[in-house]
């Protein structure tokens, strides 16, 4: 048997993400609003949450309903509810 020490990434119920809007699909002037419900994808974990804070430079803090695991600089997908459908809106990285 192999003697390998596995460690899981840290678990977060609140994350900070620097994101970029997918320009081919959305106008750069579209803004995420504080209090807006969104869905985030990190690895194979999907969680819904609320935008808790917005900072300059496209940085948002998200309070999640289900914790996620991740490392700094991991890719994050952000989905917004647009016309009653969840659509991929932005891609970012975990801060």
N, C-alpha and C. Protein backbone atom coordinates (compact mmCIF):
# COMPACT_ATOMS: atom_id res chain seq x y z
N UNK A 1 0.84 -1.17 0.00
CA UNK A 1 0.00 0.00 0.00
C UNK A 1 0.89 1.25 0.00
N UNK A 2 0.50 2.24 -0.74
CA UNK A 2 1.26 3.49 -0.82
C UNK A 2 1.03 4.34 0.42
N UNK A 3 2.09 4.93 0.91
CA UNK A 3 2.00 5.82 2.05
C UNK A 3 2.02 7.26 1.54
N UNK A 4 0.85 7.76 1.16
CA UNK A 4 0.73 9.10 0.59
C UNK A 4 -0.12 9.94 1.52
N UNK A 5 0.34 11.13 1.82
CA UNK A 5 -0.39 12.04 2.69
C UNK A 5 -1.23 12.99 1.84
N UNK A 6 -2.53 12.77 1.81
CA UNK A 6 -3.42 13.63 1.04
C UNK A 6 -3.96 14.74 1.92
N UNK A 7 -4.02 15.92 1.37
CA UNK A 7 -4.62 17.05 2.08
C UNK A 7 -5.66 17.70 1.18
N UNK A 8 -6.79 17.98 1.76
CA UNK A 8 -7.83 18.70 1.02
C UNK A 8 -7.52 20.19 1.03
N UNK A 9 -7.97 20.91 0.02
CA UNK A 9 -7.81 22.37 0.03
C UNK A 9 -8.63 22.97 1.17
N UNK A 10 -8.35 24.21 1.54
CA UNK A 10 -9.14 24.87 2.59
C UNK A 10 -10.61 24.97 2.17
N UNK A 11 -11.48 24.98 3.17
CA UNK A 11 -12.92 25.08 2.94
C UNK A 11 -13.36 26.51 3.26
N UNK A 12 -14.22 27.06 2.39
CA UNK A 12 -14.69 28.44 2.56
C UNK A 12 -16.22 28.50 2.47
N UNK A 13 -16.82 29.30 3.36
CA UNK A 13 -18.25 29.59 3.21
C UNK A 13 -18.44 31.03 2.73
N UNK A 14 -17.30 31.72 2.57
CA UNK A 14 -17.28 33.05 1.99
C UNK A 14 -16.00 33.16 1.18
N UNK A 15 -16.12 33.64 -0.05
CA UNK A 15 -14.94 33.74 -0.92
C UNK A 15 -14.83 35.14 -1.51
N UNK A 16 -13.60 35.50 -1.84
CA UNK A 16 -13.34 36.75 -2.54
C UNK A 16 -12.81 36.36 -3.92
N UNK A 17 -13.39 36.96 -4.96
CA UNK A 17 -13.06 36.59 -6.34
C UNK A 17 -12.77 37.84 -7.16
N UNK A 18 -11.70 37.79 -7.93
CA UNK A 18 -11.44 38.81 -8.96
C UNK A 18 -11.93 38.21 -10.27
N UNK A 19 -12.85 38.89 -10.94
CA UNK A 19 -13.50 38.31 -12.11
C UNK A 19 -13.38 39.19 -13.34
N UNK A 20 -13.59 38.56 -14.50
CA UNK A 20 -13.68 39.26 -15.78
C UNK A 20 -14.95 38.80 -16.47
N UNK A 21 -15.74 39.74 -16.93
CA UNK A 21 -16.97 39.43 -17.66
C UNK A 21 -16.60 38.79 -19.00
N UNK A 22 -17.38 37.82 -19.42
CA UNK A 22 -17.16 37.18 -20.73
C UNK A 22 -17.64 38.16 -21.79
N UNK A 23 -16.69 38.84 -22.41
CA UNK A 23 -16.98 39.95 -23.32
C UNK A 23 -17.74 39.53 -24.57
N UNK A 24 -17.55 38.28 -24.99
CA UNK A 24 -18.24 37.81 -26.19
C UNK A 24 -19.74 37.65 -25.96
N UNK A 25 -20.14 37.53 -24.70
CA UNK A 25 -21.55 37.30 -24.39
C UNK A 25 -22.24 38.48 -23.73
N UNK A 26 -21.47 39.30 -23.01
CA UNK A 26 -22.08 40.37 -22.23
C UNK A 26 -21.33 41.68 -22.41
N UNK A 27 -22.04 42.76 -22.18
CA UNK A 27 -21.47 44.11 -22.24
C UNK A 27 -20.64 44.34 -20.97
N UNK A 28 -19.46 44.91 -21.12
CA UNK A 28 -18.58 45.17 -19.98
C UNK A 28 -19.21 46.13 -18.98
N UNK A 29 -20.20 46.90 -19.40
CA UNK A 29 -20.85 47.86 -18.52
C UNK A 29 -21.86 47.21 -17.58
N UNK A 30 -22.20 45.94 -17.82
CA UNK A 30 -23.13 45.25 -16.94
C UNK A 30 -22.44 45.02 -15.60
N UNK A 31 -23.08 45.40 -14.55
CA UNK A 31 -22.47 45.33 -13.23
C UNK A 31 -23.20 44.33 -12.34
N UNK A 32 -22.43 43.62 -11.55
CA UNK A 32 -23.00 42.76 -10.51
C UNK A 32 -23.40 43.69 -9.36
N UNK A 33 -24.54 43.42 -8.75
CA UNK A 33 -25.06 44.27 -7.68
C UNK A 33 -24.88 43.62 -6.31
N UNK A 34 -24.62 44.44 -5.31
CA UNK A 34 -24.54 43.94 -3.94
C UNK A 34 -25.91 43.36 -3.57
N UNK A 35 -25.93 42.19 -2.94
CA UNK A 35 -27.17 41.53 -2.58
C UNK A 35 -27.73 40.61 -3.65
N UNK A 36 -27.10 40.61 -4.83
CA UNK A 36 -27.56 39.78 -5.94
C UNK A 36 -27.25 38.30 -5.68
N UNK A 37 -28.20 37.45 -6.03
CA UNK A 37 -28.00 36.00 -5.93
C UNK A 37 -27.22 35.52 -7.15
N UNK A 38 -26.19 34.71 -6.92
CA UNK A 38 -25.40 34.15 -8.01
C UNK A 38 -25.08 32.69 -7.71
N UNK A 39 -24.52 32.03 -8.69
CA UNK A 39 -24.02 30.66 -8.52
C UNK A 39 -22.54 30.67 -8.89
N UNK A 40 -21.74 29.97 -8.10
CA UNK A 40 -20.31 29.85 -8.41
C UNK A 40 -19.95 28.39 -8.60
N UNK A 41 -19.00 28.16 -9.49
CA UNK A 41 -18.46 26.83 -9.72
C UNK A 41 -16.97 26.84 -9.48
N UNK A 42 -16.50 25.92 -8.65
CA UNK A 42 -15.09 25.82 -8.30
C UNK A 42 -14.75 24.34 -8.26
N UNK A 43 -13.85 23.89 -9.14
CA UNK A 43 -13.61 22.46 -9.36
C UNK A 43 -14.95 21.85 -9.78
N UNK A 44 -15.40 20.82 -9.07
CA UNK A 44 -16.69 20.22 -9.43
C UNK A 44 -17.76 20.57 -8.40
N UNK A 45 -17.51 21.62 -7.61
CA UNK A 45 -18.48 22.04 -6.60
C UNK A 45 -19.24 23.26 -7.11
N UNK A 46 -20.55 23.18 -7.02
CA UNK A 46 -21.42 24.29 -7.40
C UNK A 46 -22.12 24.77 -6.13
N UNK A 47 -22.13 26.08 -5.90
CA UNK A 47 -22.79 26.63 -4.73
C UNK A 47 -23.46 27.94 -5.10
N UNK A 48 -24.59 28.18 -4.48
CA UNK A 48 -25.25 29.47 -4.68
C UNK A 48 -24.85 30.38 -3.53
N UNK A 49 -24.99 31.67 -3.77
CA UNK A 49 -24.62 32.62 -2.75
C UNK A 49 -25.13 34.01 -3.06
N UNK A 50 -24.76 34.93 -2.21
CA UNK A 50 -25.18 36.33 -2.32
C UNK A 50 -23.93 37.20 -2.36
N UNK A 51 -23.96 38.22 -3.22
CA UNK A 51 -22.86 39.19 -3.27
C UNK A 51 -22.91 40.02 -2.00
N UNK A 52 -21.86 39.90 -1.20
CA UNK A 52 -21.81 40.59 0.09
C UNK A 52 -21.11 41.94 -0.03
N UNK A 53 -20.10 42.02 -0.91
CA UNK A 53 -19.33 43.25 -1.03
C UNK A 53 -18.76 43.36 -2.44
N UNK A 54 -18.62 44.59 -2.92
CA UNK A 54 -18.03 44.86 -4.23
C UNK A 54 -16.90 45.87 -4.04
N UNK A 55 -15.73 45.54 -4.60
CA UNK A 55 -14.57 46.43 -4.49
C UNK A 55 -14.14 46.86 -5.88
N UNK A 56 -13.28 47.86 -5.93
CA UNK A 56 -12.73 48.31 -7.21
C UNK A 56 -11.90 47.19 -7.83
N UNK A 57 -11.80 47.20 -9.15
CA UNK A 57 -10.99 46.22 -9.85
C UNK A 57 -11.69 44.89 -10.05
N UNK A 58 -13.03 44.91 -10.10
CA UNK A 58 -13.82 43.68 -10.31
C UNK A 58 -13.54 42.61 -9.27
N UNK A 59 -13.52 43.02 -8.02
CA UNK A 59 -13.35 42.08 -6.90
C UNK A 59 -14.64 42.05 -6.10
N UNK A 60 -15.16 40.83 -5.88
CA UNK A 60 -16.40 40.68 -5.12
C UNK A 60 -16.19 39.67 -3.99
N UNK A 61 -16.96 39.86 -2.92
CA UNK A 61 -17.00 38.91 -1.83
C UNK A 61 -18.36 38.24 -1.88
N UNK A 62 -18.37 36.90 -1.82
CA UNK A 62 -19.60 36.12 -1.97
C UNK A 62 -19.81 35.28 -0.72
N UNK A 63 -20.97 35.42 -0.09
CA UNK A 63 -21.37 34.57 1.03
C UNK A 63 -22.09 33.36 0.44
N UNK A 64 -21.53 32.17 0.64
CA UNK A 64 -22.05 30.95 0.03
C UNK A 64 -23.00 30.21 0.95
N UNK A 65 -23.99 29.55 0.35
CA UNK A 65 -24.93 28.73 1.12
C UNK A 65 -24.37 27.34 1.38
N UNK A 66 -23.45 26.88 0.52
CA UNK A 66 -22.78 25.59 0.69
C UNK A 66 -21.29 25.84 0.53
N UNK A 67 -20.47 25.40 1.48
CA UNK A 67 -19.03 25.68 1.39
C UNK A 67 -18.39 25.06 0.15
N UNK A 68 -17.28 25.67 -0.27
CA UNK A 68 -16.48 25.16 -1.38
C UNK A 68 -15.04 24.95 -0.90
N UNK A 69 -14.31 24.12 -1.63
CA UNK A 69 -12.90 23.89 -1.35
C UNK A 69 -12.08 24.54 -2.45
N UNK A 70 -10.95 25.14 -2.09
CA UNK A 70 -10.13 25.73 -3.14
C UNK A 70 -8.86 26.35 -2.61
N UNK A 71 -7.95 26.59 -3.53
CA UNK A 71 -6.68 27.25 -3.24
C UNK A 71 -6.68 28.63 -3.89
N UNK A 72 -5.84 29.51 -3.37
CA UNK A 72 -5.66 30.83 -3.96
C UNK A 72 -5.32 30.68 -5.44
N UNK A 73 -5.90 31.52 -6.27
CA UNK A 73 -5.71 31.57 -7.73
C UNK A 73 -6.45 30.47 -8.48
N UNK A 74 -7.25 29.63 -7.81
CA UNK A 74 -8.07 28.65 -8.52
C UNK A 74 -9.12 29.36 -9.37
N UNK A 75 -9.45 28.78 -10.50
CA UNK A 75 -10.46 29.35 -11.40
C UNK A 75 -11.86 29.20 -10.81
N UNK A 76 -12.67 30.25 -10.99
CA UNK A 76 -14.05 30.28 -10.50
C UNK A 76 -14.95 30.71 -11.65
N UNK A 77 -16.07 30.03 -11.81
CA UNK A 77 -17.07 30.43 -12.80
C UNK A 77 -18.23 31.07 -12.07
N UNK A 78 -18.71 32.20 -12.58
CA UNK A 78 -19.81 32.93 -11.96
C UNK A 78 -21.00 32.92 -12.90
N UNK A 79 -22.15 32.48 -12.39
CA UNK A 79 -23.39 32.46 -13.16
C UNK A 79 -24.36 33.47 -12.58
N UNK A 80 -25.07 34.18 -13.45
CA UNK A 80 -26.11 35.14 -13.03
C UNK A 80 -27.45 34.69 -13.59
N UNK A 81 -28.49 35.06 -12.89
CA UNK A 81 -29.85 34.78 -13.34
C UNK A 81 -30.26 35.91 -14.28
N UNK A 82 -30.29 35.61 -15.58
CA UNK A 82 -30.63 36.59 -16.60
C UNK A 82 -31.86 36.10 -17.34
N UNK A 83 -32.93 36.87 -17.29
CA UNK A 83 -34.21 36.50 -17.92
C UNK A 83 -34.67 35.11 -17.47
N UNK A 84 -34.59 34.88 -16.15
CA UNK A 84 -35.06 33.63 -15.53
C UNK A 84 -34.26 32.40 -15.93
N UNK A 85 -33.02 32.59 -16.39
CA UNK A 85 -32.12 31.48 -16.72
C UNK A 85 -30.75 31.77 -16.15
N UNK A 86 -30.11 30.73 -15.61
CA UNK A 86 -28.75 30.88 -15.10
C UNK A 86 -27.78 30.80 -16.26
N UNK A 87 -26.98 31.85 -16.44
CA UNK A 87 -26.02 31.90 -17.55
C UNK A 87 -24.63 32.23 -17.01
N UNK A 88 -23.61 31.60 -17.62
CA UNK A 88 -22.24 31.91 -17.25
C UNK A 88 -21.98 33.37 -17.62
N UNK A 89 -21.61 34.16 -16.63
CA UNK A 89 -21.44 35.59 -16.82
C UNK A 89 -19.97 35.99 -16.78
N UNK A 90 -19.19 35.34 -15.91
CA UNK A 90 -17.80 35.75 -15.73
C UNK A 90 -16.94 34.58 -15.29
N UNK A 91 -15.65 34.75 -15.49
CA UNK A 91 -14.65 33.80 -15.02
C UNK A 91 -13.68 34.59 -14.15
N UNK A 92 -13.28 33.98 -13.06
CA UNK A 92 -12.39 34.69 -12.15
C UNK A 92 -11.42 33.76 -11.46
N UNK A 93 -10.76 34.34 -10.45
CA UNK A 93 -9.84 33.53 -9.66
C UNK A 93 -10.07 33.83 -8.19
N UNK A 94 -9.85 32.81 -7.38
CA UNK A 94 -10.03 32.90 -5.94
C UNK A 94 -8.89 33.72 -5.34
N UNK A 95 -9.25 34.69 -4.53
CA UNK A 95 -8.23 35.51 -3.86
C UNK A 95 -8.04 35.06 -2.41
